[in-house]
Amino acid sequence: MASDAVHDPVRIGIVSISDRASSGVYEDKGLPALQDWLTRALKNPVTFEPRLIPDEQARISATLIELVDVAACSLVLTTGGTGPALRDVTPEATLAVAHKEMPGFGEQMRQISLKFVPTAILSRQVAVIRGQSLIINLPGQPKAIAETLQGLPDAPGIFAAVPYCIDLIGGPYLETRDEVCKAFRPKSAQKS
């Protein structure tokens, strides 16, 4: 087994957005689910920057800016606040800090979730580039987080495209464990 010394270190922001969890009404399950899946999927040494915040658009935008511009995260994953409810403002907050939109991520997440629930069409997840960072809004439930990241036998998960996207924007070379999620890169972009 290769040591972490051969893999680029990566800093990943993980943000759980929930009024009730951030105020202590119930235990947040989003941050542990994100950290667990990413730890299993990546060979790289990861430094996590976790944040638990309420559904407040200005606060979400400020947190995303801080994670990208100050903490220098190459990847930021959010969970929660992507539905149609009045307090669900994560997509708006994410788009407000974007330099580029990456609509394919949200489209594929909805395709995967539609295999389980018809209400997946109500989800408004988006993905954007800010500087040299990829920001992706994920579903709120731990099971749905894993399904959309990892994929299903008949539907590729979104994380397969994340390492190459990060390559293209100048970030670290992310390497995945194939048994969890096989990253896809064109042959010309693969390390030998």
Protein backbone atom coordinates (compact mmCIF):
# COMPACT_ATOMS: atom_id res chain seq x y z
CA MET A 1 0.00 0.00 0.00
CA ALA A 2 1.38 3.42 -0.95
CA SER A 3 2.00 5.95 1.76
CA ASP A 4 0.23 9.31 1.87
CA ALA A 5 3.56 10.98 1.05
CA VAL A 6 3.02 10.16 -2.63
CA HIS A 7 -0.44 11.74 -2.69
CA ASP A 8 -1.06 15.48 -2.81
CA PRO A 9 -2.53 16.82 0.44
CA VAL A 10 -5.95 18.38 0.04
CA ARG A 11 -8.04 20.76 2.15
CA ILE A 12 -11.79 20.13 1.93
CA GLY A 13 -14.53 22.32 3.35
CA ILE A 14 -17.61 20.47 4.56
CA VAL A 15 -20.64 22.57 5.46
CA SER A 16 -23.87 21.36 7.03
CA ILE A 17 -26.65 23.92 6.66
CA SER A 18 -29.51 23.50 9.11
CA ASP A 19 -31.34 25.90 11.42
CA ARG A 20 -32.23 23.15 13.88
CA ALA A 21 -28.90 21.29 13.95
CA SER A 22 -26.90 24.52 14.23
CA SER A 23 -29.03 25.60 17.21
CA GLY A 24 -28.67 22.21 18.93
CA VAL A 25 -32.27 21.00 18.45
CA TYR A 26 -30.94 17.76 16.96
CA GLU A 27 -27.59 16.18 16.18
CA ASP A 28 -26.09 17.04 12.81
CA LYS A 29 -25.59 13.97 10.63
CA GLY A 30 -24.33 15.77 7.52
CA LEU A 31 -20.77 16.56 8.61
CA PRO A 32 -20.01 13.01 9.88
CA ALA A 33 -21.50 11.51 6.69
CA LEU A 34 -19.38 13.76 4.45
CA GLN A 35 -16.19 13.19 6.41
CA ASP A 36 -16.72 9.41 6.56
CA TRP A 37 -17.39 9.07 2.81
CA LEU A 38 -14.49 11.30 1.76
CA THR A 39 -12.08 9.52 4.12
CA ARG A 40 -13.06 6.17 2.58
CA ALA A 41 -12.97 7.47 -1.01
CA LEU A 42 -9.73 9.45 -1.13
CA LYS A 43 -6.14 8.19 -0.91
CA ASN A 44 -4.92 11.76 -0.35
CA PRO A 45 -4.19 13.09 3.13
CA VAL A 46 -7.20 15.31 3.85
CA THR A 47 -7.55 18.28 6.16
CA PHE A 48 -11.23 18.95 6.81
CA GLU A 49 -12.65 22.40 7.49
CA PRO A 50 -16.08 21.61 9.00
CA ARG A 51 -18.79 24.23 9.48
CA LEU A 52 -22.32 23.87 10.94
CA ILE A 53 -24.41 26.93 10.12
CA PRO A 54 -28.07 28.03 9.92
CA ASP A 55 -30.10 28.49 6.72
CA GLU A 56 -29.19 32.15 6.26
CA GLN A 57 -28.17 33.19 2.76
CA ALA A 58 -25.59 35.83 3.74
CA ARG A 59 -24.02 33.47 6.30
CA ILE A 60 -23.82 30.62 3.78
CA SER A 61 -22.18 32.86 1.16
CA ALA A 62 -19.73 34.26 3.71
CA THR A 63 -18.82 30.73 4.85
CA LEU A 64 -18.18 29.59 1.27
CA ILE A 65 -16.01 32.65 0.58
CA GLU A 66 -14.05 32.05 3.79
CA LEU A 67 -13.47 28.36 2.99
CA VAL A 68 -12.25 29.13 -0.54
CA ASP A 69 -10.50 32.49 -0.22
CA VAL A 70 -9.06 32.22 3.31
CA ALA A 71 -8.88 28.51 4.23
CA ALA A 72 -7.77 27.62 0.65
CA CYS A 73 -10.05 24.59 0.27
CA SER A 74 -9.84 22.97 -3.17
CA LEU A 75 -13.24 21.35 -2.69
CA VAL A 76 -16.22 22.49 -0.63
CA LEU A 77 -19.24 20.22 -0.14
CA THR A 78 -22.44 21.49 1.43
CA THR A 79 -25.40 19.50 2.66
CA GLY A 80 -28.88 20.82 3.34
CA GLY A 81 -31.01 23.77 2.29
CA THR A 82 -31.56 22.80 -1.35
CA GLY A 83 -35.30 22.13 -1.39
CA PRO A 84 -38.21 24.49 -2.16
CA ALA A 85 -38.98 25.46 1.47
CA LEU A 86 -38.85 29.17 2.30
CA ARG A 87 -35.67 28.77 4.41
CA ASP A 88 -33.88 26.69 1.74
CA VAL A 89 -31.41 29.19 0.25
CA THR A 90 -28.20 27.19 -0.22
CA PRO A 91 -28.29 27.31 -4.06
CA GLU A 92 -28.85 31.08 -4.07
CA ALA A 93 -26.00 31.60 -1.59
CA THR A 94 -23.73 29.35 -3.66
CA LEU A 95 -24.53 31.02 -6.98
CA ALA A 96 -23.90 34.43 -5.38
CA VAL A 97 -20.21 33.55 -4.86
CA ALA A 98 -19.67 31.69 -8.16
CA HIS A 99 -17.25 32.54 -10.93
CA LYS A 100 -18.60 29.67 -13.12
CA GLU A 101 -21.59 27.35 -12.90
CA MET A 102 -21.20 23.59 -13.34
CA PRO A 103 -24.78 22.41 -14.04
CA GLY A 104 -23.92 18.77 -14.81
CA PHE A 105 -23.35 17.97 -11.13
CA GLY A 106 -26.87 18.99 -10.07
CA GLU A 107 -28.41 17.26 -13.09
CA GLN A 108 -26.70 13.96 -12.26
CA MET A 109 -27.55 14.14 -8.55
CA ARG A 110 -31.22 14.53 -9.42
CA GLN A 111 -31.02 11.59 -11.87
CA ILE A 112 -29.60 9.35 -9.14
CA SER A 113 -32.11 10.49 -6.51
CA LEU A 114 -35.04 10.01 -8.92
CA LYS A 115 -34.33 6.29 -8.84
CA PHE A 116 -35.48 6.34 -5.20
CA VAL A 117 -38.00 9.14 -4.74
CA PRO A 118 -40.16 11.17 -7.15
CA THR A 119 -39.58 14.26 -4.99
CA ALA A 120 -35.97 14.39 -6.24
CA ILE A 121 -37.26 16.85 -8.85
CA LEU A 122 -37.77 19.32 -6.01
CA SER A 123 -34.05 19.39 -5.27
CA ARG A 124 -32.15 22.47 -6.44
CA GLN A 125 -28.51 21.44 -5.85
CA VAL A 126 -25.95 23.42 -7.83
CA ALA A 127 -22.19 23.23 -8.30
CA VAL A 128 -19.90 26.16 -9.05
CA ILE A 129 -16.28 27.13 -9.44
CA ARG A 130 -14.90 29.94 -7.30
CA GLY A 131 -11.27 30.67 -8.08
CA GLN A 132 -9.47 27.33 -7.86
CA SER A 133 -12.17 25.64 -5.83
CA LEU A 134 -15.14 23.44 -6.71
CA ILE A 135 -18.23 23.96 -4.53
CA ILE A 136 -21.02 21.36 -4.68
CA ASN A 137 -24.41 21.38 -2.91
CA LEU A 138 -25.35 17.84 -1.87
CA PRO A 139 -28.64 16.41 -0.59
CA GLY A 140 -29.35 16.60 3.13
CA GLN A 141 -29.74 12.93 4.07
CA PRO A 142 -26.59 10.83 4.74
CA LYS A 143 -27.88 7.96 2.56
CA ALA A 144 -28.56 10.36 -0.34
CA ILE A 145 -25.14 12.00 0.14
CA ALA A 146 -23.40 8.63 -0.34
CA GLU A 147 -25.63 7.62 -3.26
CA THR A 148 -25.04 10.82 -5.21
CA LEU A 149 -21.28 10.87 -4.54
CA GLN A 150 -20.66 7.18 -5.14
CA GLY A 151 -23.34 6.37 -7.70
CA LEU A 152 -25.34 3.25 -8.41
CA PRO A 153 -24.69 0.26 -10.66
CA ASP A 154 -26.62 1.96 -13.47
CA ALA A 155 -25.85 5.63 -12.68
CA PRO A 156 -22.36 7.11 -12.20
CA GLY A 157 -21.87 9.13 -9.04
CA ILE A 158 -20.76 12.74 -9.31
CA PHE A 159 -17.49 12.24 -7.44
CA ALA A 160 -16.01 10.29 -10.37
CA ALA A 161 -15.72 13.66 -12.18
CA VAL A 162 -14.51 15.73 -9.20
CA PRO A 163 -10.75 14.91 -9.34
CA TYR A 164 -10.45 15.83 -13.04
CA CYS A 165 -12.48 19.01 -12.51
CA ILE A 166 -10.09 20.00 -9.72
CA ASP A 167 -7.13 19.22 -12.03
CA LEU A 168 -8.59 21.56 -14.65
CA ILE A 169 -8.88 24.47 -12.20
CA GLY A 170 -5.34 24.06 -10.85
CA GLY A 171 -5.96 22.10 -7.67
CA PRO A 172 -4.22 19.07 -6.15
CA TYR A 173 -4.25 15.68 -7.88
CA LEU A 174 -6.97 13.71 -6.09
CA GLU A 175 -6.72 9.93 -6.13
CA THR A 176 -9.64 7.72 -5.22
CA ARG A 177 -10.00 4.19 -3.93
CA ASP A 178 -11.65 2.33 -6.81
CA GLU A 179 -13.75 0.14 -4.53
CA VAL A 180 -15.51 3.28 -3.24
CA CYS A 181 -15.47 5.54 -6.28
CA LYS A 182 -13.32 5.25 -9.40
CA ALA A 183 -12.23 8.68 -10.61
CA PHE A 184 -12.36 9.25 -14.35
CA ARG A 185 -9.65 11.18 -16.19
CA PRO A 186 -8.76 11.15 -19.87
CA LYS A 187 -5.58 9.12 -20.46
CA SER A 188 -3.68 12.34 -21.18
CA ALA A 189 -4.51 13.65 -17.69
CA GLN A 190 -3.50 10.56 -15.70
CA LYS A 191 -0.30 10.40 -13.68
CA SER A 192 1.93 7.56 -14.77
